[in-house]
């Protein structure tokens, strides 16, 4: 096992090396330029479209509302990455990693926008009359049969990654947090989470969307209030925290306290890897959810979809990072959810760990739901609708298993598969970028609303 772990560490370091960082950031930067910085210029417009999407009801153009589709996508992205992932990035790469998470998100908005646009444009109806889409369909229907192998690769990597990043890792995060805070044995938590998961995912995308559009906004609001309490408690340190984040992005400090020290490359690598783990811009997963949304305009869906990256990283992850830095625990030598817990406890002694545990459990549970849909659509693309019910049962089993076993290896495998998912998706976005740019120009020429 030790040799396997070492091999996976080496593989993970390779797939998340400089070439992958360049591919992810480069693709997003290229799309931003090709779109004339449209995603950055239309953040306000994007929020208005989110509000508008709540009232869209057109069953002929999708299975759920665009708002429910966005909440489903957010349910998958707002998870342990926003709490444990941000903390790990800071613990390994220093506070400067937060800056590179910002950069990943700002260029990632264009990436997420492009993913959703092509997913909705090239979606199709399956044998049950349901709308399905995502990178595999965008590749098959947008690039043609000669590129179909690339879509197959995405579906394979996505179908496998789901059980790691979406089921086992998230369930393990829930059981560990609940055990640490409340002393509940992991197998009990595993049974409860598996039962709740079964109650939702066995109902398909309609039930997942219905739960997500109610639970995701509520849990985000509660978490933001908790983090604001931490920030208010240390309000005088906030300006210095921002300065430290920017400074250490380009000039990381040496070892201090329990912090082992970092380099610029490590700060960038951790910021990009944890940023992608959190907001999933570049993975192509959001397009799978948005393709089920009721929308006849792919650009409208793309604008709604790109806001998921802004909400996830620029808002939620930033608040987590600031809480860790201002509370002074970032160089304590701890990592993951424990580091976030320390920041909560610093502001709310005796209470913070319970609030953090509940927040982590809610975030991770919604991720389980979102990724259940992603994984299912990857496997149905590969083998057909016959796998739907067996997949859902295996998913529930994976949730219980993840809750009761140690998952150090699963984290490494999930990180690696994330990178392997991103490669086919990013290649297809670059090849389809002329289509994305033309559709965007046509949309805003018709709307007459080009910026906030």
Protein backbone atom coordinates (compact mmCIF):
# COMPACT_ATOMS: atom_id res chain seq x y z
CA UNK A 1 0.00 0.00 0.00
CA UNK A 2 2.85 2.37 0.82
CA UNK A 3 4.41 1.73 -2.59
CA UNK A 4 1.05 2.32 -4.29
CA UNK A 5 0.62 5.58 -2.39
CA UNK A 6 4.10 6.74 -3.41
CA UNK A 7 3.38 5.85 -7.04
CA UNK A 8 0.08 7.75 -6.94
CA UNK A 9 1.81 10.76 -5.38
CA UNK A 10 4.29 10.75 -8.25
CA UNK A 11 1.54 10.37 -10.87
CA UNK A 12 -0.53 13.10 -9.25
CA UNK A 13 2.46 15.42 -9.21
CA UNK A 14 3.01 14.76 -12.91
CA UNK A 15 -0.59 15.26 -14.09
CA UNK A 16 -0.88 18.44 -12.00
CA UNK A 17 2.50 19.72 -13.16
CA UNK A 18 3.32 22.76 -15.26
CA UNK A 19 1.75 21.43 -18.52
CA UNK A 20 -1.65 20.93 -16.85
CA UNK A 21 -1.52 24.34 -15.16
CA UNK A 22 -0.70 25.94 -18.51
CA UNK A 23 -3.50 24.04 -20.25
CA UNK A 24 -6.15 24.99 -17.67
CA UNK A 25 -5.18 28.62 -17.19
CA UNK A 26 -4.25 29.04 -20.84
CA UNK A 27 -7.58 27.73 -22.11
CA UNK A 28 -9.52 29.99 -19.76
CA UNK A 29 -7.37 33.01 -20.63
CA UNK A 30 -7.73 32.34 -24.36
CA UNK A 31 -11.50 32.03 -24.08
CA UNK A 32 -11.67 35.24 -22.04
CA UNK A 33 -9.81 37.08 -24.79
CA UNK A 34 -11.83 35.43 -27.56
CA UNK A 35 -15.02 36.49 -25.78
CA UNK A 36 -13.78 40.04 -25.23
CA UNK A 37 -13.81 39.49 -21.44
CA UNK A 38 -17.57 39.05 -21.64
CA UNK A 39 -17.81 36.87 -18.47
CA UNK A 40 -15.98 39.48 -16.37
CA UNK A 41 -17.94 42.39 -17.84
CA UNK A 42 -21.29 40.73 -17.24
CA UNK A 43 -21.15 39.50 -13.66
CA UNK A 44 -24.06 41.75 -12.66
CA UNK A 45 -26.00 40.63 -15.71
CA UNK A 46 -25.23 37.04 -14.75
CA UNK A 47 -26.81 37.46 -11.32
CA UNK A 48 -29.90 38.98 -12.95
CA UNK A 49 -30.14 35.99 -15.28
CA UNK A 50 -29.93 33.63 -12.31
CA UNK A 51 -32.96 35.40 -10.84
CA UNK A 52 -34.74 35.29 -14.18
CA UNK A 53 -33.99 31.57 -14.57
CA UNK A 54 -36.14 30.80 -11.53
CA UNK A 55 -39.30 31.56 -13.52
CA UNK A 56 -38.43 29.66 -16.72
CA UNK A 57 -40.92 26.84 -17.26
CA UNK A 58 -40.72 25.15 -20.66
CA UNK A 59 -40.79 21.37 -20.42
CA UNK A 60 -40.29 21.08 -24.18
CA UNK A 61 -36.75 22.48 -23.86
CA UNK A 62 -35.54 20.64 -20.77
CA UNK A 63 -36.35 18.49 -17.76
CA UNK A 64 -35.71 21.04 -14.97
CA UNK A 65 -35.54 24.84 -14.73
CA UNK A 66 -32.22 26.57 -15.54
CA UNK A 67 -32.12 27.67 -11.90
CA UNK A 68 -32.48 24.07 -10.69
CA UNK A 69 -29.78 23.05 -13.18
CA UNK A 70 -27.44 25.72 -11.76
CA UNK A 71 -28.20 24.61 -8.19
CA UNK A 72 -27.51 21.00 -9.23
CA UNK A 73 -24.15 22.10 -10.65
CA UNK A 74 -23.45 24.15 -7.52
CA UNK A 75 -24.46 21.22 -5.34
CA UNK A 76 -21.60 19.28 -6.93
CA UNK A 77 -19.05 22.10 -6.74
CA UNK A 78 -19.80 23.62 -3.32
CA UNK A 79 -18.42 20.77 -1.23
CA UNK A 80 -15.41 19.72 0.81
CA UNK A 81 -13.22 21.68 -1.59
CA UNK A 82 -14.62 24.93 -0.20
CA UNK A 83 -13.64 23.98 3.36
CA UNK A 84 -11.01 21.24 3.43
CA UNK A 85 -9.67 21.99 -0.06
CA UNK A 86 -8.98 25.67 0.61
CA UNK A 87 -7.37 24.80 3.93
CA UNK A 88 -5.13 22.21 2.29
CA UNK A 89 -4.08 24.69 -0.40
CA UNK A 90 -3.04 27.22 2.27
CA UNK A 91 -1.36 24.60 4.47
CA UNK A 92 0.82 23.37 1.59
CA UNK A 93 1.15 26.39 -0.70
CA UNK A 94 0.80 29.20 1.83
CA UNK A 95 -1.71 32.08 1.78
CA UNK A 96 -0.56 32.90 -1.77
CA UNK A 97 -2.44 29.83 -2.99
CA UNK A 98 -5.69 31.78 -2.45
CA UNK A 99 -4.56 34.35 -5.02
CA UNK A 100 -4.04 31.62 -7.61
CA UNK A 101 -7.46 30.21 -6.78
CA UNK A 102 -8.83 33.64 -7.69
CA UNK A 103 -6.96 33.61 -11.00
CA UNK A 104 -8.24 30.11 -11.72
CA UNK A 105 -11.80 31.29 -11.07
CA UNK A 106 -11.58 34.49 -13.11
CA UNK A 107 -10.34 32.70 -16.22
CA UNK A 108 -12.46 29.69 -15.25
CA UNK A 109 -15.64 31.70 -15.68
CA UNK A 110 -14.94 31.75 -19.41
CA UNK A 111 -14.15 28.04 -19.36
CA UNK A 112 -17.36 27.21 -17.49
CA UNK A 113 -19.34 29.46 -19.83
CA UNK A 114 -17.95 27.68 -22.89
CA UNK A 115 -18.60 24.24 -21.36
CA UNK A 116 -22.25 25.01 -20.78
CA UNK A 117 -22.80 26.69 -24.16
CA UNK A 118 -21.55 23.71 -26.16
CA UNK A 119 -23.25 21.24 -23.80
CA UNK A 120 -26.65 22.82 -24.41
CA UNK A 121 -26.06 23.44 -28.13
CA UNK A 122 -25.02 19.85 -28.86
CA UNK A 123 -27.28 18.04 -26.39
CA UNK A 124 -29.70 15.37 -27.55
CA UNK A 125 -32.67 13.38 -26.31
CA UNK A 126 -32.15 9.85 -25.08
CA UNK A 127 -34.44 6.87 -25.55
CA UNK A 128 -36.57 8.05 -22.60
CA UNK A 129 -37.09 11.48 -24.12
CA UNK A 130 -34.80 13.17 -21.59
CA UNK A 131 -32.29 15.86 -22.56
CA UNK A 132 -28.68 14.76 -22.08
CA UNK A 133 -25.46 16.61 -22.78
CA UNK A 134 -21.97 17.40 -21.61
CA UNK A 135 -18.46 17.21 -23.08
CA UNK A 136 -18.96 13.72 -24.53
CA UNK A 137 -21.99 14.87 -26.54
CA UNK A 138 -20.36 18.19 -27.49
CA UNK A 139 -17.40 16.24 -28.86
CA UNK A 140 -19.55 13.67 -30.67
CA UNK A 141 -22.04 16.14 -32.18
CA UNK A 142 -19.82 19.21 -32.43
CA UNK A 143 -16.49 17.80 -33.60
CA UNK A 144 -17.84 14.81 -35.50
CA UNK A 145 -17.31 11.02 -35.49
CA UNK A 146 -13.53 11.25 -35.94
CA UNK A 147 -13.29 12.77 -32.47
CA UNK A 148 -15.73 10.45 -30.75
CA UNK A 149 -12.87 8.61 -29.03
CA UNK A 150 -12.11 11.81 -27.14
CA UNK A 151 -15.66 11.93 -25.77
CA UNK A 152 -15.39 8.29 -24.77
CA UNK A 153 -12.22 9.04 -22.81
CA UNK A 154 -13.99 11.85 -20.96
CA UNK A 155 -16.91 9.58 -20.08
CA UNK A 156 -14.59 6.85 -18.79
CA UNK A 157 -12.57 9.22 -16.63
CA UNK A 158 -15.73 10.99 -15.42
CA UNK A 159 -17.52 7.74 -14.66
CA UNK A 160 -14.60 6.52 -12.57
CA UNK A 161 -13.82 9.87 -10.95
CA UNK A 162 -17.37 10.18 -9.66
CA UNK A 163 -17.03 7.27 -7.27
CA UNK A 164 -13.91 8.87 -5.80
CA UNK A 165 -14.48 12.62 -5.75
CA UNK A 166 -18.26 12.49 -5.69
CA UNK A 167 -19.18 9.56 -3.44
CA UNK A 168 -16.45 8.07 -1.26
CA UNK A 169 -14.38 11.18 -0.54
CA UNK A 170 -17.43 13.28 0.29
CA UNK A 171 -18.99 10.60 2.51
CA UNK A 172 -15.68 10.19 4.31
CA UNK A 173 -15.56 13.93 4.92
CA UNK A 174 -19.05 13.81 6.45
CA UNK A 175 -18.40 10.83 8.73
CA UNK A 176 -15.03 12.17 9.88
CA UNK A 177 -16.47 15.61 10.66
CA UNK A 178 -19.47 14.22 12.54
CA UNK A 179 -17.32 11.77 14.50
CA UNK A 180 -14.82 14.48 15.45
CA UNK A 181 -17.48 16.97 16.55
CA UNK A 182 -20.24 14.78 17.98
CA UNK A 183 -18.60 11.39 18.59
CA UNK A 184 -20.98 9.49 16.30
CA UNK A 185 -19.44 6.32 14.91
CA UNK A 186 -18.67 6.42 11.21
CA UNK A 187 -20.82 3.40 10.31
CA UNK A 188 -23.91 5.08 11.78
CA UNK A 189 -23.26 8.25 9.80
CA UNK A 190 -22.59 6.11 6.74
CA UNK A 191 -25.97 4.40 7.00
CA UNK A 192 -27.81 7.70 7.45
CA UNK A 193 -26.04 9.42 4.55
CA UNK A 194 -26.50 6.36 2.30
CA UNK A 195 -30.23 6.27 3.11
CA UNK A 196 -30.64 9.99 2.40
CA UNK A 197 -28.68 9.62 -0.82
CA UNK A 198 -30.86 6.73 -1.96
CA UNK A 199 -34.02 8.72 -1.23
CA UNK A 200 -32.85 11.45 -3.61
CA UNK A 201 -30.78 9.88 -6.39
CA UNK A 202 -33.22 7.04 -7.06
CA UNK A 203 -35.64 9.74 -8.23
CA UNK A 204 -33.32 10.97 -10.99
CA UNK A 205 -32.54 14.54 -12.08
CA UNK A 206 -35.98 15.94 -11.20
CA UNK A 207 -35.63 14.96 -7.56
CA UNK A 208 -31.96 15.95 -7.40
CA UNK A 209 -32.80 19.35 -8.89
CA UNK A 210 -35.74 19.85 -6.51
CA UNK A 211 -33.57 19.13 -3.47
CA UNK A 212 -30.62 21.15 -4.75
CA UNK A 213 -32.58 24.33 -5.49
CA UNK A 214 -33.78 24.40 -1.87
CA UNK A 215 -30.77 23.07 0.02
CA UNK A 216 -27.86 24.75 -1.81
CA UNK A 217 -28.91 28.41 -1.29
CA UNK A 218 -29.77 27.72 2.37
CA UNK A 219 -26.49 25.99 3.20
CA UNK A 220 -24.42 28.64 1.41
CA UNK A 221 -26.19 31.40 3.32
CA UNK A 222 -25.68 29.69 6.69
CA UNK A 223 -22.00 29.05 5.98
CA UNK A 224 -21.41 32.62 4.83
CA UNK A 225 -23.00 33.93 8.05
CA UNK A 226 -20.69 31.69 10.12
CA UNK A 227 -17.59 32.83 8.22
CA UNK A 228 -18.67 36.46 8.55
CA UNK A 229 -18.69 35.94 12.31
CA UNK A 230 -15.03 34.87 12.11
CA UNK A 231 -14.14 37.83 9.90
CA UNK A 232 -15.95 40.31 12.13
CA UNK A 233 -14.13 38.88 15.15
CA UNK A 234 -10.81 39.69 13.47
CA UNK A 235 -11.95 42.59 11.29
CA UNK A 236 -8.80 44.61 11.98
CA UNK A 237 -6.67 41.89 10.37
CA UNK A 238 -8.57 41.74 7.07
CA UNK A 239 -6.50 44.36 5.16
CA UNK A 240 -3.26 42.67 6.25
CA UNK A 241 -4.69 39.29 5.21
CA UNK A 242 -5.38 40.50 1.67
CA UNK A 243 -1.89 41.99 1.51
CA UNK A 244 -0.35 38.71 2.73
CA UNK A 245 -2.28 36.67 0.16
CA UNK A 246 -1.10 38.86 -2.75
CA UNK A 247 2.47 39.14 -1.47
CA UNK A 248 2.90 35.41 -0.92
CA UNK A 249 1.48 34.60 -4.33
CA UNK A 250 4.77 35.86 -5.79
CA UNK A 251 7.11 35.79 -2.80
CA UNK A 252 6.23 32.93 -0.42
CA UNK A 253 7.82 33.04 3.02
CA UNK A 254 10.09 30.39 4.43
CA UNK A 255 9.03 27.96 7.13
CA UNK A 256 7.21 29.65 10.01
CA UNK A 257 5.56 28.06 13.01
CA UNK A 258 4.13 24.77 11.79
CA UNK A 259 4.25 25.90 8.15
CA UNK A 260 6.91 23.98 6.24
CA UNK A 261 7.53 26.74 3.70
CA UNK A 262 6.56 26.96 0.05
CA UNK A 263 7.63 28.13 -3.41
CA UNK A 264 5.87 30.19 -6.06
CA UNK A 265 5.33 27.04 -8.13
CA UNK A 266 3.84 25.21 -5.14
CA UNK A 267 1.51 28.13 -4.41
CA UNK A 268 0.37 28.16 -8.04
CA UNK A 269 0.01 24.38 -8.22
CA UNK A 270 -2.03 24.15 -5.01
CA UNK A 271 -4.13 27.18 -5.91
CA UNK A 272 -4.98 25.83 -9.37
CA UNK A 273 -5.49 22.20 -8.29
CA UNK A 274 -7.65 23.06 -5.27
CA UNK A 275 -9.46 25.75 -7.25
CA UNK A 276 -10.40 23.27 -9.96
CA UNK A 277 -11.32 20.68 -7.32
CA UNK A 278 -13.69 23.24 -5.84
CA UNK A 279 -15.28 25.05 -8.81
CA UNK A 280 -14.75 22.32 -11.48
CA UNK A 281 -14.17 24.88 -14.25
CA UNK A 282 -12.38 22.89 -16.92
CA UNK A 283 -13.77 19.51 -15.92
CA UNK A 284 -16.89 19.93 -18.07
CA UNK A 285 -19.26 18.62 -15.41
CA UNK A 286 -21.47 21.71 -15.19
CA UNK A 287 -22.52 21.21 -18.80
CA UNK A 288 -23.95 17.80 -17.90
CA UNK A 289 -26.35 19.42 -15.42
CA UNK A 290 -27.14 22.51 -17.52
CA UNK A 291 -27.97 20.33 -20.55
CA UNK A 292 -31.02 19.12 -18.62
CA UNK A 293 -32.15 22.72 -18.02
CA UNK A 294 -35.18 24.25 -19.72
CA UNK A 295 -33.53 26.67 -22.12
CA UNK A 296 -33.72 27.19 -25.86
CA UNK A 297 -30.69 29.50 -25.84
CA UNK A 298 -27.28 27.94 -25.06
CA UNK A 299 -25.78 31.37 -24.33
CA UNK A 300 -28.41 32.11 -21.69
CA UNK A 301 -27.58 28.77 -20.06
CA UNK A 302 -23.87 29.56 -20.31
CA UNK A 303 -24.27 32.91 -18.56
CA UNK A 304 -26.23 31.29 -15.74
CA UNK A 305 -23.72 28.45 -15.55
CA UNK A 306 -20.58 30.61 -15.43
CA UNK A 307 -21.86 32.29 -12.26
CA UNK A 308 -21.40 29.01 -10.44
CA UNK A 309 -17.63 29.50 -10.63
CA UNK A 310 -17.92 33.05 -9.29
CA UNK A 311 -20.14 32.00 -6.39
CA UNK A 312 -18.10 28.93 -5.52
CA UNK A 313 -14.60 30.42 -5.56
CA UNK A 314 -14.71 34.21 -5.52
CA UNK A 315 -17.31 34.24 -2.75
CA UNK A 316 -17.28 30.98 -0.74
CA UNK A 317 -13.63 29.91 -1.09
CA UNK A 318 -12.39 33.48 -0.53
CA UNK A 319 -14.31 33.71 2.72
CA UNK A 320 -12.87 30.39 3.92
CA UNK A 321 -9.34 31.46 3.01
CA UNK A 322 -9.71 34.83 4.72
CA UNK A 323 -11.08 33.18 7.87
CA UNK A 324 -8.04 30.90 8.05
CA UNK A 325 -5.56 33.74 7.50
CA UNK A 326 -7.13 36.39 9.77
CA UNK A 327 -7.57 33.91 12.63
CA UNK A 328 -3.80 33.31 12.56
CA UNK A 329 -4.01 29.51 12.34
CA UNK A 330 -2.74 29.12 8.77
CA UNK A 331 0.82 28.29 9.93
CA UNK A 332 -0.22 25.95 12.77
CA UNK A 333 0.98 22.85 10.92
CA UNK A 334 -2.47 21.32 10.50
CA UNK A 335 -4.31 20.88 7.23
CA UNK A 336 -7.68 20.09 5.68
CA UNK A 337 -10.92 20.46 7.60
CA UNK A 338 -9.04 20.57 10.92
CA UNK A 339 -7.39 23.83 9.88
CA UNK A 340 -10.78 25.35 9.00
CA UNK A 341 -12.12 24.09 12.32
CA UNK A 342 -9.32 25.91 14.15
CA UNK A 343 -10.29 29.18 12.46
CA UNK A 344 -13.92 28.76 13.56
CA UNK A 345 -12.86 27.84 17.09
CA UNK A 346 -10.62 30.90 17.30
CA UNK A 347 -13.66 33.13 16.82
CA UNK A 348 -16.32 30.91 18.42
CA UNK A 349 -14.67 28.79 21.16
CA UNK A 350 -16.61 25.66 22.00
CA UNK A 351 -19.13 26.24 19.22
CA UNK A 352 -17.08 26.70 16.06
CA UNK A 353 -16.20 23.03 15.58
CA UNK A 354 -19.87 22.04 15.63
CA UNK A 355 -20.87 24.69 13.10
CA UNK A 356 -17.99 23.70 10.83
CA UNK A 357 -18.90 20.01 11.07
CA UNK A 358 -22.53 20.66 10.12
CA UNK A 359 -21.50 22.97 7.25
CA UNK A 360 -19.05 20.40 5.92
CA UNK A 361 -21.65 17.64 6.14
CA UNK A 362 -24.22 19.69 4.19
CA UNK A 363 -21.69 20.76 1.56
CA UNK A 364 -20.44 17.20 1.07
CA UNK A 365 -23.94 15.72 0.91
CA UNK A 366 -25.03 18.03 -1.91
CA UNK A 367 -21.83 17.16 -3.78
CA UNK A 368 -22.77 13.49 -3.52
CA UNK A 369 -26.11 14.29 -5.16
CA UNK A 370 -24.66 16.37 -8.00
CA UNK A 371 -21.93 13.91 -8.83
CA UNK A 372 -24.41 11.03 -8.78
CA UNK A 373 -26.04 12.62 -11.82
CA UNK A 374 -22.71 13.34 -13.51
CA UNK A 375 -21.46 9.79 -13.04
CA UNK A 376 -24.72 8.27 -14.20
CA UNK A 377 -24.71 10.28 -17.43
CA UNK A 378 -21.11 9.29 -18.14
CA UNK A 379 -21.94 5.61 -17.80
CA UNK A 380 -25.20 5.83 -19.75
CA UNK A 381 -23.23 7.47 -22.57
CA UNK A 382 -20.88 4.48 -22.56
CA UNK A 383 -23.29 1.56 -22.10
CA UNK A 384 -26.83 2.95 -22.41
CA UNK A 385 -29.79 3.59 -20.04
CA UNK A 386 -29.74 -0.04 -18.86
CA UNK A 387 -27.07 0.92 -16.33
CA UNK A 388 -29.11 3.62 -14.56
CA UNK A 389 -30.61 1.59 -11.70
CA UNK A 390 -27.49 -0.57 -11.09
CA UNK A 391 -25.37 2.60 -11.06
CA UNK A 392 -27.61 4.30 -8.50
CA UNK A 393 -27.43 1.26 -6.21
CA UNK A 394 -23.63 1.08 -6.56
CA UNK A 395 -23.47 4.80 -5.84
CA UNK A 396 -25.33 4.38 -2.57
CA UNK A 397 -23.01 1.48 -1.66
CA UNK A 398 -19.99 3.65 -2.52
CA UNK A 399 -21.29 6.36 -0.18
CA UNK A 400 -21.52 3.94 2.74
CA UNK A 401 -18.11 2.43 1.97
CA UNK A 402 -16.47 5.83 1.79
CA UNK A 403 -17.91 6.77 5.18
CA UNK A 404 -16.29 3.85 7.01
CA UNK A 405 -12.85 3.39 5.40
CA UNK A 406 -9.64 5.41 5.25
CA UNK A 407 -9.38 7.23 1.93
CA UNK A 408 -5.89 8.66 1.59
CA UNK A 409 -5.46 6.78 -1.70
CA UNK A 410 -8.94 7.77 -2.90
CA UNK A 411 -8.02 11.47 -2.58
CA UNK A 412 -4.97 10.93 -4.79
CA UNK A 413 -6.94 8.95 -7.36
CA UNK A 414 -9.70 11.59 -7.42
CA UNK A 415 -7.18 14.38 -8.00
CA UNK A 416 -5.55 12.43 -10.83
CA UNK A 417 -8.84 11.58 -12.53
CA UNK A 418 -9.88 15.23 -12.30
CA UNK A 419 -6.89 16.14 -14.43
CA UNK A 420 -7.55 13.31 -16.89
CA UNK A 421 -11.18 14.48 -17.24
CA UNK A 422 -10.07 18.02 -17.93
CA UNK A 423 -7.78 17.18 -20.86
CA UNK A 424 -10.45 15.97 -23.37
CA UNK A 425 -12.83 18.71 -22.27
CA UNK A 426 -10.30 21.52 -22.68
CA UNK A 427 -9.18 20.23 -26.08
CA UNK A 428 -12.79 20.24 -27.29
CA UNK A 429 -13.35 23.78 -25.96
CA UNK A 430 -10.34 25.08 -27.87
CA UNK A 431 -11.54 23.40 -31.07
CA UNK A 432 -15.11 24.67 -30.61
CA UNK A 433 -14.10 28.17 -29.50
CA UNK A 434 -15.10 29.77 -32.87
CA UNK A 435 -18.65 28.43 -32.38
CA UNK A 436 -18.76 29.71 -28.79
CA UNK A 437 -17.53 33.17 -29.81
CA UNK A 438 -19.98 33.51 -32.72
CA UNK A 439 -22.99 32.44 -30.64
CA UNK A 440 -21.99 34.93 -27.94
CA UNK A 441 -21.76 37.80 -30.44
CA UNK A 442 -25.15 36.91 -31.89
CA UNK A 443 -26.78 36.73 -28.46
CA UNK A 444 -25.58 40.12 -27.24
CA UNK A 445 -26.28 41.76 -30.61
CA UNK A 446 -29.87 40.59 -30.22
CA UNK A 447 -30.16 41.38 -26.50
CA UNK A 448 -28.56 44.78 -26.74
CA UNK A 449 -27.25 44.28 -23.21
CA UNK A 450 -23.50 43.90 -23.34
CA UNK A 451 -22.31 44.72 -19.84
CA UNK A 452 -23.32 45.76 -16.37
